[in-house]
Amino acid sequence: MTKLFFHSYGLRYHYRYKPGFDVFSSIDIAAELGFDGINVSAHFPGYIELSGREPDHLRKVRRHLEHRGLLIDIETRGTDVAHLSDCLAMAANVGAGHLRTYTKGSSDRRQRVSEAKRSLSQVSPIAERVGIPVLLENHEDLCGAEVAEILSSVNSPWIRALFDYVNSILFFEHPCHALEAMQPWVCSAHLKDCVLLPPLRGSGEGTLLGVPIGAGVAPVAELTQKLVELSASAVSPLKTRGLIAPQCATNATPKNALLLGQILRNFPLVGRSRPPNWPSPTRLGSLNSRCRRLMTPCAG
C-alpha cells in the first residue's frame, strides 16, 4: 500500500527561525498528523533539516523514529560518487529506506546527463552493498525523458526514480508524459500542484507558482492513480515555491507555457474517484487543514 510521507521542506523556516526546532520536532509533527513517514533534506553545509550528521546523532534520530512508528527517506543533491557514498552511510545510520538525489553542476543538460550516467553506474554497487536504493528525481534540472535515459543506461535495481508531479512543466513536458517515461523505475513521488503565470516584467519566461493540492493545473488524480497502480512505496506532499520556467524545449515560448496550462486545466479533479488504497478524503482533508497551520515559523 502506498504510504504518505511528511516532508521537512515544508518546515524549512521553522528550522531556521523557530528557537529549539529540530529534526525531532519534525518527527513529532509528522506522527501527530498521522503520516506514515518523513522525508528529510540532508544538504551540506549544516544538514539543517537533519540537525546534524554525526553517527551518534543519527542513531538517536533512528530510535526516535522507531518510537513514533515512522519510516524515513533522506534527500540530497548531486551525483558525485564520493558525496552519494557518504550520504548512503548517513542514510544507513538513520535507517532510511531510500536516498533521493538530482543532477547539478553544468548548465549544459546533456553534459549533466552524461555525467550522471557515469557516476550513478559507479554508485550502484555501493547502494547495493549498503542496501539502500538511490532515487533520481526529475527535479528542476532535467525532464522525465532525460531521467529515463539515465536510468535506462545505468540499468540497476539500486538506481531508481522519484517522480515529481509538476517539475516537468518547467521543460514543457506534460506530467503524464514524464511519468510514462519514468514509470519502469518509479519508487516514490513528490505530490504538489501549481499554476502557470504570465512572464514577469523584464523577463521572457513564464513562472510556476506552487498552490494547494487540487487548486492548480496538475492532473493530480490521474498521476496518483498511476502511482498507486505502479505500487509506489510512498508519496510526499511537498509545499512549493514559485519557479521560473527555463526556455529549454524546442520552439518553447511563454505562450507555449500558458497553452500547456490551458491543456492541463482540461483535467477536472472534482468528482473524480480516488485511487484504491489511497487515504480517504477525510484523512487527506484533515492532513491538509492541519498542515496549513504549520506554514509560518511562529506556529505552535
C-alpha atoms as a PDB file:
ATOM      1  CA  MET A   1       0.000   0.000   0.000  1.00  0.00           C
ATOM      2  CA  THR A   2       1.261   3.464  -0.906  1.00  0.00           C
ATOM      3  CA  LYS A   3       2.272   5.417   2.195  1.00  0.00           C
ATOM      4  CA  LEU A   4       2.087   9.148   2.930  1.00  0.00           C
ATOM      5  CA  PHE A   5       5.319  10.858   3.987  1.00  0.00           C
ATOM      6  CA  PHE A   6       5.684  14.305   5.524  1.00  0.00           C
ATOM      7  CA  HIS A   7       8.453  16.476   4.012  1.00  0.00           C
ATOM      8  CA  SER A   8      10.826  18.550   6.145  1.00  0.00           C
ATOM      9  CA  TYR A   9      10.950  21.158   3.349  1.00  0.00           C
ATOM     10  CA  GLY A  10       7.522  22.382   4.428  1.00  0.00           C
ATOM     11  CA  LEU A  11       9.032  23.347   7.785  1.00  0.00           C
ATOM     12  CA  ARG A  12      12.256  24.856   6.457  1.00  0.00           C
ATOM     13  CA  TYR A  13      11.583  28.237   8.101  1.00  0.00           C
ATOM     14  CA  HIS A  14      10.848  26.573  11.421  1.00  0.00           C
ATOM     15  CA  TYR A  15      14.357  25.108  11.323  1.00  0.00           C
ATOM     16  CA  ARG A  16      15.905  28.470  10.593  1.00  0.00           C
ATOM     17  CA  TYR A  17      13.873  30.805  12.757  1.00  0.00           C
ATOM     18  CA  LYS A  18      11.926  28.938  15.447  1.00  0.00           C
ATOM     19  CA  PRO A  19      14.080  28.505  18.568  1.00  0.00           C
ATOM     20  CA  GLY A  20      14.686  24.883  19.504  1.00  0.00           C
ATOM     21  CA  PHE A  21      13.074  23.432  16.401  1.00  0.00           C
ATOM     22  CA  ASP A  22      14.937  20.365  15.088  1.00  0.00           C
ATOM     23  CA  VAL A  23      14.502  17.037  13.339  1.00  0.00           C
ATOM     24  CA  PHE A  24      12.911  15.524  16.445  1.00  0.00           C
ATOM     25  CA  SER A  25      10.260  18.259  16.304  1.00  0.00           C
ATOM     26  CA  SER A  26       9.551  17.389  12.646  1.00  0.00           C
ATOM     27  CA  ILE A  27       9.218  13.716  13.508  1.00  0.00           C
ATOM     28  CA  ASP A  28       6.744  14.506  16.285  1.00  0.00           C
ATOM     29  CA  ILE A  29       4.665  16.717  13.984  1.00  0.00           C
ATOM     30  CA  ALA A  30       4.580  14.040  11.278  1.00  0.00           C
ATOM     31  CA  ALA A  31       3.487  11.424  13.796  1.00  0.00           C
ATOM     32  CA  GLU A  32       0.803  13.658  15.298  1.00  0.00           C
ATOM     33  CA  LEU A  33      -0.564  14.462  11.826  1.00  0.00           C
ATOM     34  CA  GLY A  34      -0.905  10.764  11.065  1.00  0.00           C
ATOM     35  CA  PHE A  35       1.756  10.382   8.372  1.00  0.00           C
ATOM     36  CA  ASP A  36       3.486   7.056   7.762  1.00  0.00           C
ATOM     37  CA  GLY A  37       6.966   8.527   7.441  1.00  0.00           C
ATOM     38  CA  ILE A  38       9.077  11.605   6.851  1.00  0.00           C
ATOM     39  CA  ASN A  39      11.308  12.840   4.029  1.00  0.00           C
ATOM     40  CA  VAL A  40      14.256  14.813   5.386  1.00  0.00           C
ATOM     41  CA  SER A  41      16.513  17.055   3.308  1.00  0.00           C
ATOM     42  CA  ALA A  42      20.200  16.472   4.144  1.00  0.00           C
ATOM     43  CA  HIS A  43      22.174  19.225   2.447  1.00  0.00           C
ATOM     44  CA  PHE A  44      25.692  20.463   3.110  1.00  0.00           C
ATOM     45  CA  PRO A  45      26.659  22.675   4.850  1.00  0.00           C
ATOM     46  CA  GLY A  46      24.990  22.187   8.179  1.00  0.00           C
ATOM     47  CA  TYR A  47      22.495  19.444   7.331  1.00  0.00           C
ATOM     48  CA  ILE A  48      19.970  21.772   8.971  1.00  0.00           C
ATOM     49  CA  GLU A  49      16.814  19.713   8.469  1.00  0.00           C
ATOM     50  CA  LEU A  50      18.572  16.604   9.754  1.00  0.00           C
ATOM     51  CA  SER A  51      20.013  18.695  12.626  1.00  0.00           C
ATOM     52  CA  GLY A  52      23.474  17.218  12.168  1.00  0.00           C
ATOM     53  CA  ARG A  53      25.166  14.189  10.675  1.00  0.00           C
ATOM     54  CA  GLU A  54      27.267  12.665  13.454  1.00  0.00           C
ATOM     55  CA  PRO A  55      26.687   8.897  13.756  1.00  0.00           C
ATOM     56  CA  ASP A  56      25.547   9.126  17.391  1.00  0.00           C
ATOM     57  CA  HIS A  57      23.030  11.833  16.495  1.00  0.00           C
ATOM     58  CA  LEU A  58      21.700   9.820  13.554  1.00  0.00           C
ATOM     59  CA  ARG A  59      21.229   6.773  15.766  1.00  0.00           C
ATOM     60  CA  LYS A  60      19.218   8.929  18.202  1.00  0.00           C
ATOM     61  CA  VAL A  61      17.066  10.083  15.281  1.00  0.00           C
ATOM     62  CA  ARG A  62      16.558   6.465  14.272  1.00  0.00           C
ATOM     63  CA  ARG A  63      15.474   5.492  17.787  1.00  0.00           C
ATOM     64  CA  HIS A  64      13.005   8.390  17.893  1.00  0.00           C
ATOM     65  CA  LEU A  65      11.565   7.359  14.544  1.00  0.00           C
ATOM     66  CA  GLU A  66      11.108   3.819  15.816  1.00  0.00           C
ATOM     67  CA  HIS A  67       9.484   5.171  18.988  1.00  0.00           C
ATOM     68  CA  ARG A  68       6.992   7.209  16.936  1.00  0.00           C
ATOM     69  CA  GLY A  69       6.449   4.382  14.443  1.00  0.00           C
ATOM     70  CA  LEU A  70       7.637   6.336  11.388  1.00  0.00           C
ATOM     71  CA  LEU A  71       9.700   5.494   8.318  1.00  0.00           C
ATOM     72  CA  ILE A  72      12.266   7.881   6.825  1.00  0.00           C
ATOM     73  CA  ASP A  73      13.784   8.731   3.453  1.00  0.00           C
ATOM     74  CA  ILE A  74      16.811  11.031   3.085  1.00  0.00           C
ATOM     75  CA  GLU A  75      17.161  13.589   0.296  1.00  0.00           C
ATOM     76  CA  THR A  76      20.337  15.158  -1.099  1.00  0.00           C
ATOM     77  CA  ARG A  77      21.524  16.627  -4.404  1.00  0.00           C
ATOM     78  CA  GLY A  78      24.256  15.882  -6.929  1.00  0.00           C
ATOM     79  CA  THR A  79      25.610  12.675  -8.427  1.00  0.00           C
ATOM     80  CA  ASP A  80      29.230  12.833  -7.280  1.00  0.00           C
ATOM     81  CA  VAL A  81      30.265   9.318  -6.282  1.00  0.00           C
ATOM     82  CA  ALA A  82      32.065  10.279  -3.061  1.00  0.00           C
ATOM     83  CA  HIS A  83      29.166  12.513  -1.978  1.00  0.00           C
ATOM     84  CA  LEU A  84      26.497   9.872  -2.586  1.00  0.00           C
ATOM     85  CA  SER A  85      28.632   7.226  -0.875  1.00  0.00           C
ATOM     86  CA  ASP A  86      28.833   9.482   2.176  1.00  0.00           C
ATOM     87  CA  CYS A  87      25.087  10.156   2.086  1.00  0.00           C
ATOM     88  CA  LEU A  88      24.327   6.443   1.813  1.00  0.00           C
ATOM     89  CA  ALA A  89      26.320   5.897   5.016  1.00  0.00           C
ATOM     90  CA  MET A  90      24.246   8.620   6.717  1.00  0.00           C
ATOM     91  CA  ALA A  91      21.062   7.075   5.385  1.00  0.00           C
ATOM     92  CA  ALA A  92      22.068   3.684   6.760  1.00  0.00           C
ATOM     93  CA  ASN A  93      22.749   5.145  10.215  1.00  0.00           C
ATOM     94  CA  VAL A  94      19.324   6.761  10.361  1.00  0.00           C
ATOM     95  CA  GLY A  95      17.541   3.693   8.936  1.00  0.00           C
ATOM     96  CA  ALA A  96      16.383   5.288   5.680  1.00  0.00           C
ATOM     97  CA  GLY A  97      14.605   3.314   3.000  1.00  0.00           C
ATOM     98  CA  HIS A  98      15.752   5.484   0.080  1.00  0.00           C
ATOM     99  CA  LEU A  99      18.221   8.248  -0.783  1.00  0.00           C
ATOM    100  CA  ARG A 100      16.874  10.809  -3.250  1.00  0.00           C
ATOM    101  CA  THR A 101      19.120  12.974  -5.417  1.00  0.00           C
ATOM    102  CA  TYR A 102      19.144  15.001  -8.632  1.00  0.00           C
ATOM    103  CA  THR A 103      21.779  16.272 -11.039  1.00  0.00           C
ATOM    104  CA  LYS A 104      23.615  19.560 -10.550  1.00  0.00           C
ATOM    105  CA  GLY A 105      26.635  21.365 -11.930  1.00  0.00           C
ATOM    106  CA  SER A 106      26.927  22.280 -15.590  1.00  0.00           C
ATOM    107  CA  SER A 107      24.250  24.414 -17.233  1.00  0.00           C
ATOM    108  CA  ASP A 108      24.569  22.043 -20.201  1.00  0.00           C
ATOM    109  CA  ARG A 109      21.854  19.465 -19.633  1.00  0.00           C
ATOM    110  CA  ARG A 110      23.409  16.946 -21.998  1.00  0.00           C
ATOM    111  CA  GLN A 111      26.638  17.141 -20.035  1.00  0.00           C
ATOM    112  CA  ARG A 112      24.743  16.525 -16.784  1.00  0.00           C
ATOM    113  CA  VAL A 113      23.042  13.508 -18.359  1.00  0.00           C
ATOM    114  CA  SER A 114      26.406  12.054 -19.427  1.00  0.00           C
ATOM    115  CA  GLU A 115      27.983  12.713 -16.026  1.00  0.00           C
ATOM    116  CA  ALA A 116      25.019  11.164 -14.213  1.00  0.00           C
ATOM    117  CA  LYS A 117      25.230   8.012 -16.322  1.00  0.00           C
ATOM    118  CA  ARG A 118      28.890   7.553 -15.399  1.00  0.00           C
ATOM    119  CA  SER A 119      28.647   8.425 -11.718  1.00  0.00           C
ATOM    120  CA  LEU A 120      25.427   6.565 -10.924  1.00  0.00           C
ATOM    121  CA  SER A 121      26.827   3.443 -12.568  1.00  0.00           C
ATOM    122  CA  GLN A 122      29.652   3.646 -10.019  1.00  0.00           C
ATOM    123  CA  VAL A 123      27.253   4.372  -7.151  1.00  0.00           C
ATOM    124  CA  SER A 124      25.081   1.337  -7.930  1.00  0.00           C
ATOM    125  CA  PRO A 125      27.319  -1.305  -6.255  1.00  0.00           C
ATOM    126  CA  ILE A 126      27.748   0.989  -3.237  1.00  0.00           C
ATOM    127  CA  ALA A 127      23.974   1.324  -2.857  1.00  0.00           C
ATOM    128  CA  GLU A 128      23.627  -2.440  -3.192  1.00  0.00           C
ATOM    129  CA  ARG A 129      26.238  -3.031  -0.508  1.00  0.00           C
ATOM    130  CA  VAL A 130      24.506  -0.602   1.877  1.00  0.00           C
ATOM    131  CA  GLY A 131      21.067  -1.912   0.928  1.00  0.00           C
ATOM    132  CA  ILE A 132      19.504   1.482   0.167  1.00  0.00           C
ATOM    133  CA  PRO A 133      18.321   2.390  -3.372  1.00  0.00           C
ATOM    134  CA  VAL A 134      19.256   5.800  -4.777  1.00  0.00           C
ATOM    135  CA  LEU A 135      16.314   7.625  -6.379  1.00  0.00           C
ATOM    136  CA  LEU A 136      16.973  10.117  -9.186  1.00  0.00           C
ATOM    137  CA  GLU A 137      14.328  12.855  -9.315  1.00  0.00           C
ATOM    138  CA  ASN A 138      13.002  14.840 -12.255  1.00  0.00           C
ATOM    139  CA  HIS A 139      13.893  17.985 -10.362  1.00  0.00           C
ATOM    140  CA  GLU A 140      14.280  21.482 -11.843  1.00  0.00           C
ATOM    141  CA  ASP A 141      17.270  20.172 -13.779  1.00  0.00           C
ATOM    142  CA  LEU A 142      16.067  17.517 -16.229  1.00  0.00           C
ATOM    143  CA  CYS A 143      12.788  16.433 -17.763  1.00  0.00           C
ATOM    144  CA  GLY A 144      11.305  12.985 -17.227  1.00  0.00           C
ATOM    145  CA  ALA A 145      12.576  11.673 -20.548  1.00  0.00           C
ATOM    146  CA  GLU A 146      16.153  12.620 -19.623  1.00  0.00           C
ATOM    147  CA  VAL A 147      15.862  10.932 -16.238  1.00  0.00           C
ATOM    148  CA  ALA A 148      14.596   7.824 -18.037  1.00  0.00           C
ATOM    149  CA  GLU A 149      17.579   7.987 -20.394  1.00  0.00           C
ATOM    150  CA  ILE A 150      19.985   7.989 -17.445  1.00  0.00           C
ATOM    151  CA  LEU A 151      18.247   5.147 -15.622  1.00  0.00           C
ATOM    152  CA  SER A 152      17.990   3.044 -18.760  1.00  0.00           C
ATOM    153  CA  SER A 153      21.734   3.446 -19.281  1.00  0.00           C
ATOM    154  CA  VAL A 154      22.648   2.638 -15.658  1.00  0.00           C
ATOM    155  CA  ASN A 155      20.242  -0.317 -15.700  1.00  0.00           C
ATOM    156  CA  SER A 156      20.473  -1.150 -11.997  1.00  0.00           C
ATOM    157  CA  PRO A 157      17.803  -2.197  -9.472  1.00  0.00           C
ATOM    158  CA  TRP A 158      19.635   0.041  -6.970  1.00  0.00           C
ATOM    159  CA  ILE A 159      19.302   3.238  -9.019  1.00  0.00           C
ATOM    160  CA  ARG A 160      15.615   4.079  -9.353  1.00  0.00           C
ATOM    161  CA  ALA A 161      13.415   7.183  -9.672  1.00  0.00           C
ATOM    162  CA  LEU A 162      11.430   9.676  -7.639  1.00  0.00           C
ATOM    163  CA  PHE A 163       8.681  11.329  -9.669  1.00  0.00           C
ATOM    164  CA  ASP A 164       7.707  14.955  -9.071  1.00  0.00           C
ATOM    165  CA  TYR A 165       4.161  15.845 -10.123  1.00  0.00           C
ATOM    166  CA  VAL A 166       4.884  19.259 -11.669  1.00  0.00           C
ATOM    167  CA  ASN A 167       8.612  19.793 -12.271  1.00  0.00           C
ATOM    168  CA  SER A 168       8.381  18.541 -15.847  1.00  0.00           C
ATOM    169  CA  ILE A 169       6.192  21.514 -16.731  1.00  0.00           C
ATOM    170  CA  LEU A 170       9.339  23.652 -16.447  1.00  0.00           C
ATOM    171  CA  PHE A 171      10.543  21.855 -19.574  1.00  0.00           C
ATOM    172  CA  PHE A 172       7.183  21.999 -21.379  1.00  0.00           C
ATOM    173  CA  GLU A 173       6.780  18.276 -20.781  1.00  0.00           C
ATOM    174  CA  HIS A 174       3.306  17.097 -19.776  1.00  0.00           C
ATOM    175  CA  PRO A 175       3.422  15.476 -16.294  1.00  0.00           C
ATOM    176  CA  CYS A 176       1.659  12.377 -17.588  1.00  0.00           C
ATOM    177  CA  HIS A 177       4.312  12.008 -20.302  1.00  0.00           C
ATOM    178  CA  ALA A 178       7.059  12.440 -17.695  1.00  0.00           C
ATOM    179  CA  LEU A 179       5.566   9.707 -15.516  1.00  0.00           C
ATOM    180  CA  GLU A 180       5.112   7.437 -18.529  1.00  0.00           C
ATOM    181  CA  ALA A 181       8.808   7.812 -19.367  1.00  0.00           C
ATOM    182  CA  MET A 182       9.936   7.235 -15.773  1.00  0.00           C
ATOM    183  CA  GLN A 183       7.433   4.581 -14.728  1.00  0.00           C
ATOM    184  CA  PRO A 184       9.707   1.491 -15.018  1.00  0.00           C
ATOM    185  CA  TRP A 185      11.884   2.967 -12.248  1.00  0.00           C
ATOM    186  CA  VAL A 186       9.493   4.961 -10.028  1.00  0.00           C
ATOM    187  CA  CYS A 187       9.580   4.098  -6.319  1.00  0.00           C
ATOM    188  CA  SER A 188       8.366   7.320  -4.708  1.00  0.00           C
ATOM    189  CA  ALA A 189       6.890  10.724  -5.532  1.00  0.00           C
ATOM    190  CA  HIS A 190       6.651  14.374  -4.520  1.00  0.00           C
ATOM    191  CA  LEU A 191       2.983  15.327  -4.592  1.00  0.00           C
ATOM    192  CA  LYS A 192       2.362  19.005  -5.329  1.00  0.00           C
ATOM    193  CA  ASP A 193       0.363  21.299  -7.572  1.00  0.00           C
ATOM    194  CA  CYS A 194       0.964  24.595  -9.367  1.00  0.00           C
ATOM    195  CA  VAL A 195      -0.446  27.273 -11.620  1.00  0.00           C
ATOM    196  CA  LEU A 196       1.270  28.897 -14.585  1.00  0.00           C
ATOM    197  CA  LEU A 197       1.635  32.662 -14.541  1.00  0.00           C
ATOM    198  CA  PRO A 198       2.440  35.083 -17.405  1.00  0.00           C
ATOM    199  CA  PRO A 199       6.065  36.193 -17.890  1.00  0.00           C
ATOM    200  CA  LEU A 200       7.428  38.505 -15.223  1.00  0.00           C
ATOM    201  CA  ARG A 201       8.228  42.096 -16.115  1.00  0.00           C
ATOM    202  CA  GLY A 202      11.517  42.305 -17.963  1.00  0.00           C
ATOM    203  CA  SER A 203      11.614  38.531 -18.345  1.00  0.00           C
ATOM    204  CA  GLY A 204      10.754  36.380 -21.316  1.00  0.00           C
ATOM    205  CA  GLU A 205       9.978  33.387 -19.143  1.00  0.00           C
ATOM    206  CA  GLY A 206       6.787  32.110 -17.587  1.00  0.00           C
ATOM    207  CA  THR A 207       6.505  31.219 -13.921  1.00  0.00           C
ATOM    208  CA  LEU A 208       5.246  28.213 -11.989  1.00  0.00           C
ATOM    209  CA  LEU A 209       3.694  29.008  -8.629  1.00  0.00           C
ATOM    210  CA  GLY A 210       3.003  26.369  -6.010  1.00  0.00           C
ATOM    211  CA  VAL A 211      -0.620  26.163  -4.809  1.00  0.00           C
ATOM    212  CA  PRO A 212      -2.640  23.840  -2.515  1.00  0.00           C
ATOM    213  CA  ILE A 213      -3.054  20.360  -3.970  1.00  0.00           C
ATOM    214  CA  GLY A 214      -6.092  20.248  -6.236  1.00  0.00           C
ATOM    215  CA  ALA A 215      -6.165  24.030  -6.782  1.00  0.00           C
ATOM    216  CA  GLY A 216      -3.732  24.093  -9.702  1.00  0.00           C
ATOM    217  CA  VAL A 217      -3.305  22.703 -13.195  1.00  0.00           C
ATOM    218  CA  ALA A 218      -1.557  19.386 -12.488  1.00  0.00           C
ATOM    219  CA  PRO A 219      -3.547  16.210 -13.291  1.00  0.00           C
ATOM    220  CA  VAL A 220      -3.243  15.094  -9.671  1.00  0.00           C
ATOM    221  CA  ALA A 221      -5.902  12.362  -9.784  1.00  0.00           C
ATOM    222  CA  GLU A 222      -4.513  10.710 -12.927  1.00  0.00           C
ATOM    223  CA  LEU A 223      -0.932  10.808 -11.678  1.00  0.00           C
ATOM    224  CA  THR A 224      -1.855   9.469  -8.248  1.00  0.00           C
ATOM    225  CA  GLN A 225      -3.932   6.655  -9.748  1.00  0.00           C
ATOM    226  CA  LYS A 226      -0.988   5.627 -11.899  1.00  0.00           C
ATOM    227  CA  LEU A 227       1.475   5.767  -8.994  1.00  0.00           C
ATOM    228  CA  VAL A 228      -0.760   3.512  -6.910  1.00  0.00           C
ATOM    229  CA  GLU A 229      -1.017   1.096  -9.846  1.00  0.00           C
ATOM    230  CA  LEU A 230       2.791   1.147 -10.038  1.00  0.00           C
ATOM    231  CA  SER A 231       2.918   0.295  -6.305  1.00  0.00           C
ATOM    232  CA  ALA A 232       4.955   3.382  -5.471  1.00  0.00           C
ATOM    233  CA  SER A 233       6.108   2.923  -1.895  1.00  0.00           C
ATOM    234  CA  ALA A 234       5.498   6.492  -0.763  1.00  0.00           C
ATOM    235  CA  VAL A 235       4.068   9.844  -1.796  1.00  0.00           C
ATOM    236  CA  SER A 236       5.186  13.008  -0.026  1.00  0.00           C
ATOM    237  CA  PRO A 237       3.029  16.172  -0.192  1.00  0.00           C
ATOM    238  CA  LEU A 238       5.510  18.987  -0.771  1.00  0.00           C
ATOM    239  CA  LYS A 239       4.899  22.707  -0.253  1.00  0.00           C
ATOM    240  CA  THR A 240       6.364  24.530  -3.258  1.00  0.00           C
ATOM    241  CA  ARG A 241       7.576  27.985  -4.178  1.00  0.00           C
ATOM    242  CA  GLY A 242       7.369  29.951  -7.416  1.00  0.00           C
ATOM    243  CA  LEU A 243       9.757  28.724 -10.094  1.00  0.00           C
ATOM    244  CA  ILE A 244      10.994  30.426 -13.255  1.00  0.00           C
ATOM    245  CA  ALA A 245      10.342  28.240 -16.283  1.00  0.00           C
ATOM    246  CA  PRO A 246      13.524  27.907 -18.393  1.00  0.00           C
ATOM    247  CA  GLN A 247      13.405  28.250 -22.163  1.00  0.00           C
ATOM    248  CA  CYS A 248      14.655  24.765 -22.836  1.00  0.00           C
ATOM    249  CA  ALA A 249      12.241  22.992 -25.176  1.00  0.00           C
ATOM    250  CA  THR A 250      12.149  23.137 -28.964  1.00  0.00           C
ATOM    251  CA  ASN A 251      10.141  26.201 -30.029  1.00  0.00           C
ATOM    252  CA  ALA A 252       9.325  26.817 -26.364  1.00  0.00           C
ATOM    253  CA  THR A 253       7.959  30.286 -25.626  1.00  0.00           C
ATOM    254  CA  PRO A 254       5.985  31.797 -22.742  1.00  0.00           C
ATOM    255  CA  LYS A 255       2.919  31.377 -24.948  1.00  0.00           C
ATOM    256  CA  ASN A 256       3.649  27.638 -25.111  1.00  0.00           C
ATOM    257  CA  ALA A 257       3.800  27.510 -21.322  1.00  0.00           C
ATOM    258  CA  LEU A 258       0.451  29.265 -20.970  1.00  0.00           C
ATOM    259  CA  LEU A 259      -1.042  26.973 -23.596  1.00  0.00           C
ATOM    260  CA  LEU A 260       0.189  23.977 -21.625  1.00  0.00           C
ATOM    261  CA  GLY A 261      -1.583  25.441 -18.603  1.00  0.00           C
ATOM    262  CA  GLN A 262      -4.824  25.579 -20.578  1.00  0.00           C
ATOM    263  CA  ILE A 263      -4.348  21.973 -21.663  1.00  0.00           C
ATOM    264  CA  LEU A 264      -3.731  20.812 -18.102  1.00  0.00           C
ATOM    265  CA  ARG A 265      -6.901  22.552 -16.956  1.00  0.00           C
ATOM    266  CA  ASN A 266      -8.851  20.060 -19.071  1.00  0.00           C
ATOM    267  CA  PHE A 267      -8.216  17.504 -16.317  1.00  0.00           C
ATOM    268  CA  PRO A 268     -11.113  18.207 -13.902  1.00  0.00           C
ATOM    269  CA  LEU A 269     -10.471  16.889 -10.404  1.00  0.00           C
ATOM    270  CA  VAL A 270     -13.900  17.489  -8.869  1.00  0.00           C
ATOM    271  CA  GLY A 271     -15.897  14.282  -8.660  1.00  0.00           C
ATOM    272  CA  ARG A 272     -13.032  12.004  -9.653  1.00  0.00           C
ATOM    273  CA  SER A 273     -12.886   8.659  -7.885  1.00  0.00           C
ATOM    274  CA  ARG A 274      -9.947   8.419  -5.538  1.00  0.00           C
ATOM    275  CA  PRO A 275      -7.423   5.668  -6.307  1.00  0.00           C
ATOM    276  CA  PRO A 276      -7.833   2.344  -4.489  1.00  0.00           C
ATOM    277  CA  ASN A 277      -5.754   2.066  -1.296  1.00  0.00           C
ATOM    278  CA  TRP A 278      -5.365   5.860  -1.235  1.00  0.00           C
ATOM    279  CA  PRO A 279      -6.060   7.642   2.087  1.00  0.00           C
ATOM    280  CA  SER A 280      -9.663   8.711   2.472  1.00  0.00           C
ATOM    281  CA  PRO A 281     -10.759  12.261   1.586  1.00  0.00           C
ATOM    282  CA  THR A 282     -11.480  12.775   5.288  1.00  0.00           C
ATOM    283  CA  ARG A 283      -7.917  11.892   6.203  1.00  0.00           C
ATOM    284  CA  LEU A 284      -6.422  13.975   3.390  1.00  0.00           C
ATOM    285  CA  GLY A 285      -8.631  16.916   4.291  1.00  0.00           C
ATOM    286  CA  SER A 286      -7.593  16.655   7.923  1.00  0.00           C
ATOM    287  CA  LEU A 287      -3.917  16.474   6.979  1.00  0.00           C
ATOM    288  CA  ASN A 288      -4.300  19.445   4.634  1.00  0.00           C
ATOM    289  CA  SER A 289      -6.035  21.670   7.189  1.00  0.00           C
ATOM    290  CA  ARG A 290      -3.646  20.735   9.970  1.00  0.00           C
ATOM    291  CA  CYS A 291      -0.570  21.202   7.751  1.00  0.00           C
ATOM    292  CA  ARG A 292      -1.804  24.671   6.756  1.00  0.00           C
ATOM    293  CA  ARG A 293      -1.422  25.765  10.362  1.00  0.00           C
ATOM    294  CA  LEU A 294       2.283  24.881  10.218  1.00  0.00           C
ATOM    295  CA  MET A 295       3.195  27.188   7.365  1.00  0.00           C
ATOM    296  CA  THR A 296       4.519  30.075   9.491  1.00  0.00           C
ATOM    297  CA  PRO A 297       7.574  29.928  11.739  1.00  0.00           C
ATOM    298  CA  CYS A 298       5.596  31.137  14.753  1.00  0.00           C
ATOM    299  CA  ALA A 299       3.074  28.309  14.528  1.00  0.00           C
ATOM    300  CA  GLY A 300       2.722  26.120  17.589  1.00  0.00           C
END
